[in-house]
N, C-alpha and C. Protein backbone atom coordinates (compact mmCIF):
# COMPACT_ATOMS: atom_id res chain seq x y z
N MET A 1 10.94 -20.73 -192.69
CA MET A 1 11.35 -21.15 -191.37
C MET A 1 10.72 -22.51 -191.10
N LYS A 2 11.50 -23.46 -190.73
CA LYS A 2 10.97 -24.77 -190.41
C LYS A 2 10.66 -24.84 -188.93
N ALA A 3 9.58 -25.48 -188.61
CA ALA A 3 9.16 -25.61 -187.22
C ALA A 3 8.42 -26.94 -187.06
N TRP A 4 8.00 -27.21 -185.84
CA TRP A 4 7.19 -28.39 -185.56
C TRP A 4 5.87 -27.91 -185.01
N GLN A 5 4.78 -28.50 -185.51
CA GLN A 5 3.46 -28.14 -185.03
C GLN A 5 2.72 -29.40 -184.61
N CYS A 6 2.05 -29.31 -183.46
CA CYS A 6 1.25 -30.43 -182.99
C CYS A 6 -0.06 -30.46 -183.76
N ILE A 7 -0.42 -31.63 -184.29
CA ILE A 7 -1.67 -31.74 -185.03
C ILE A 7 -2.88 -31.78 -184.11
N GLY A 8 -2.62 -31.95 -182.82
CA GLY A 8 -3.73 -31.99 -181.86
C GLY A 8 -4.06 -30.63 -181.28
N CYS A 9 -3.08 -30.00 -180.63
CA CYS A 9 -3.35 -28.73 -179.94
C CYS A 9 -2.89 -27.51 -180.73
N GLY A 10 -2.11 -27.70 -181.80
CA GLY A 10 -1.68 -26.57 -182.62
C GLY A 10 -0.41 -25.89 -182.14
N ARG A 11 0.19 -26.37 -181.04
CA ARG A 11 1.39 -25.77 -180.48
C ARG A 11 2.49 -25.70 -181.54
N LEU A 12 3.19 -24.57 -181.61
CA LEU A 12 4.33 -24.40 -182.52
C LEU A 12 5.59 -24.20 -181.70
N GLU A 13 6.29 -25.26 -181.40
CA GLU A 13 7.54 -25.20 -180.64
C GLU A 13 7.51 -24.20 -179.50
N ALA A 14 6.44 -24.18 -178.76
CA ALA A 14 6.33 -23.26 -177.63
C ALA A 14 5.53 -23.95 -176.53
N GLU A 15 5.66 -23.43 -175.33
CA GLU A 15 4.88 -23.97 -174.23
C GLU A 15 3.40 -23.74 -174.50
N SER A 16 2.63 -24.78 -174.34
CA SER A 16 1.19 -24.69 -174.55
C SER A 16 0.53 -25.82 -173.79
N THR A 17 -0.68 -25.59 -173.37
CA THR A 17 -1.40 -26.63 -172.67
C THR A 17 -1.82 -27.69 -173.67
N CYS A 18 -1.39 -28.89 -173.44
CA CYS A 18 -1.71 -30.00 -174.35
C CYS A 18 -3.08 -30.56 -173.99
N ILE A 19 -3.85 -30.90 -175.02
CA ILE A 19 -5.15 -31.49 -174.76
C ILE A 19 -5.08 -33.02 -174.78
N GLY A 20 -3.87 -33.56 -174.81
CA GLY A 20 -3.67 -34.99 -174.67
C GLY A 20 -3.57 -35.80 -175.94
N ILE A 21 -3.63 -35.16 -177.08
CA ILE A 21 -3.54 -35.91 -178.34
C ILE A 21 -2.41 -35.40 -179.22
N CYS A 22 -1.38 -34.85 -178.61
CA CYS A 22 -0.28 -34.25 -179.37
C CYS A 22 0.46 -35.28 -180.21
N GLN A 23 0.78 -34.88 -181.41
CA GLN A 23 1.62 -35.65 -182.31
C GLN A 23 2.28 -34.62 -183.23
N ASP A 24 3.59 -34.42 -183.06
CA ASP A 24 4.29 -33.38 -183.82
C ASP A 24 4.51 -33.77 -185.27
N ARG A 25 4.37 -32.80 -186.14
CA ARG A 25 4.62 -32.93 -187.57
C ARG A 25 5.46 -31.72 -188.01
N PRO A 26 6.39 -31.92 -188.95
CA PRO A 26 7.15 -30.76 -189.42
C PRO A 26 6.26 -29.84 -190.26
N VAL A 27 6.45 -28.53 -190.10
CA VAL A 27 5.73 -27.53 -190.89
C VAL A 27 6.74 -26.49 -191.34
N GLU A 28 6.42 -25.76 -192.39
CA GLU A 28 7.25 -24.65 -192.83
C GLU A 28 6.43 -23.38 -192.71
N LEU A 29 7.00 -22.38 -192.07
CA LEU A 29 6.32 -21.11 -191.87
C LEU A 29 6.93 -20.06 -192.79
N VAL A 30 6.10 -19.14 -193.24
CA VAL A 30 6.57 -18.04 -194.08
C VAL A 30 6.05 -16.74 -193.51
N TYR A 31 6.74 -15.65 -193.80
CA TYR A 31 6.26 -14.34 -193.40
C TYR A 31 4.98 -14.02 -194.17
N ALA A 32 4.05 -13.37 -193.53
CA ALA A 32 2.79 -13.00 -194.17
C ALA A 32 3.02 -12.15 -195.41
N SER A 33 4.00 -11.27 -195.39
CA SER A 33 4.28 -10.41 -196.54
C SER A 33 4.73 -11.24 -197.75
N ASP A 34 5.52 -12.30 -197.50
CA ASP A 34 5.94 -13.18 -198.59
C ASP A 34 4.74 -13.91 -199.17
N TYR A 35 3.87 -14.36 -198.29
CA TYR A 35 2.66 -15.06 -198.74
C TYR A 35 1.79 -14.15 -199.60
N MET A 36 1.64 -12.90 -199.17
CA MET A 36 0.80 -11.95 -199.89
C MET A 36 1.36 -11.67 -201.28
N GLU A 37 2.69 -11.56 -201.40
CA GLU A 37 3.30 -11.34 -202.71
C GLU A 37 3.05 -12.53 -203.63
N LEU A 38 3.17 -13.72 -203.10
CA LEU A 38 2.91 -14.92 -203.89
C LEU A 38 1.44 -14.99 -204.29
N GLU A 39 0.57 -14.68 -203.33
CA GLU A 39 -0.86 -14.71 -203.63
C GLU A 39 -1.21 -13.71 -204.74
N THR A 40 -0.59 -12.54 -204.71
CA THR A 40 -0.82 -11.54 -205.74
C THR A 40 -0.41 -12.07 -207.11
N LEU A 41 0.75 -12.70 -207.18
CA LEU A 41 1.23 -13.26 -208.45
C LEU A 41 0.29 -14.35 -208.95
N VAL A 42 -0.13 -15.23 -208.08
CA VAL A 42 -1.03 -16.32 -208.49
C VAL A 42 -2.38 -15.75 -208.92
N ARG A 43 -2.87 -14.73 -208.21
CA ARG A 43 -4.14 -14.10 -208.59
C ARG A 43 -4.03 -13.47 -209.98
N GLN A 44 -2.90 -12.80 -210.26
CA GLN A 44 -2.70 -12.23 -211.59
C GLN A 44 -2.73 -13.31 -212.66
N LEU A 45 -2.07 -14.41 -212.40
CA LEU A 45 -2.04 -15.52 -213.34
C LEU A 45 -3.45 -16.08 -213.57
N ALA A 46 -4.22 -16.16 -212.51
CA ALA A 46 -5.56 -16.75 -212.60
C ALA A 46 -6.56 -15.87 -213.33
N VAL A 47 -6.45 -14.55 -213.20
CA VAL A 47 -7.49 -13.67 -213.74
C VAL A 47 -7.07 -12.90 -214.99
N THR A 48 -5.83 -13.01 -215.39
CA THR A 48 -5.35 -12.27 -216.55
C THR A 48 -5.61 -13.06 -217.83
N SER A 49 -6.21 -12.39 -218.78
CA SER A 49 -6.43 -12.99 -220.11
C SER A 49 -5.66 -12.15 -221.12
N PRO A 50 -4.61 -12.71 -221.69
CA PRO A 50 -3.82 -11.94 -222.64
C PRO A 50 -4.62 -11.64 -223.91
N ARG A 51 -4.26 -10.57 -224.55
CA ARG A 51 -4.88 -10.23 -225.83
C ARG A 51 -4.52 -11.29 -226.86
N GLU A 52 -5.31 -11.36 -227.88
CA GLU A 52 -5.10 -12.32 -228.96
C GLU A 52 -3.66 -12.23 -229.47
N GLY A 53 -2.98 -13.35 -229.46
CA GLY A 53 -1.60 -13.41 -229.96
C GLY A 53 -0.56 -12.88 -228.99
N GLN A 54 -0.95 -12.48 -227.78
CA GLN A 54 -0.01 -11.89 -226.83
C GLN A 54 0.24 -12.78 -225.61
N TRP A 55 -0.15 -14.04 -225.66
CA TRP A 55 -0.01 -14.90 -224.50
C TRP A 55 1.44 -15.04 -224.05
N GLU A 56 2.35 -15.11 -225.01
CA GLU A 56 3.76 -15.31 -224.65
C GLU A 56 4.32 -14.09 -223.92
N GLN A 57 3.96 -12.91 -224.35
CA GLN A 57 4.42 -11.69 -223.69
C GLN A 57 3.89 -11.65 -222.24
N SER A 58 2.63 -12.01 -222.06
CA SER A 58 2.04 -12.04 -220.71
C SER A 58 2.73 -13.09 -219.84
N TYR A 59 2.96 -14.24 -220.42
CA TYR A 59 3.63 -15.32 -219.70
C TYR A 59 5.02 -14.90 -219.26
N ARG A 60 5.76 -14.29 -220.17
CA ARG A 60 7.13 -13.84 -219.85
C ARG A 60 7.12 -12.78 -218.74
N ALA A 61 6.14 -11.89 -218.76
CA ALA A 61 6.06 -10.85 -217.73
C ALA A 61 5.79 -11.49 -216.36
N LEU A 62 4.88 -12.44 -216.30
CA LEU A 62 4.59 -13.13 -215.04
C LEU A 62 5.79 -13.96 -214.59
N GLN A 63 6.48 -14.57 -215.54
CA GLN A 63 7.68 -15.34 -215.23
C GLN A 63 8.76 -14.43 -214.64
N LYS A 64 8.92 -13.26 -215.21
CA LYS A 64 9.91 -12.30 -214.71
C LYS A 64 9.58 -11.88 -213.28
N ARG A 65 8.30 -11.62 -213.02
CA ARG A 65 7.87 -11.22 -211.67
C ARG A 65 8.14 -12.36 -210.68
N ALA A 66 7.87 -13.59 -211.07
CA ALA A 66 8.12 -14.74 -210.20
C ALA A 66 9.60 -14.85 -209.88
N ARG A 67 10.46 -14.64 -210.87
CA ARG A 67 11.91 -14.71 -210.65
C ARG A 67 12.36 -13.61 -209.68
N GLU A 68 11.77 -12.42 -209.83
CA GLU A 68 12.10 -11.32 -208.90
C GLU A 68 11.72 -11.67 -207.47
N LEU A 69 10.56 -12.28 -207.29
CA LEU A 69 10.14 -12.68 -205.95
C LEU A 69 11.08 -13.74 -205.37
N LEU A 70 11.47 -14.70 -206.19
CA LEU A 70 12.39 -15.74 -205.73
C LEU A 70 13.77 -15.17 -205.39
N ALA A 71 14.22 -14.19 -206.13
CA ALA A 71 15.53 -13.59 -205.91
C ALA A 71 15.59 -12.85 -204.57
N LYS A 72 14.45 -12.40 -204.08
CA LYS A 72 14.41 -11.69 -202.80
C LYS A 72 14.64 -12.63 -201.62
N ARG A 73 14.53 -13.91 -201.82
CA ARG A 73 14.64 -14.87 -200.72
C ARG A 73 16.07 -15.15 -200.41
């Protein structure tokens, strides 16, 4: 979801009391559940050590999971 956020007061396209230094910048928002799924995939990539000679199988499995997550969007 694309939105605008003020870098001064933090307002996200909603009524908010401005502290006088507002300057809008575009931001993209995601559902927390989508973020958590991505974080899980990245964590797996960061902490998984494939067995000797099995790096390609591990890589392909993580690649498949990433494609599944993207397909849900």
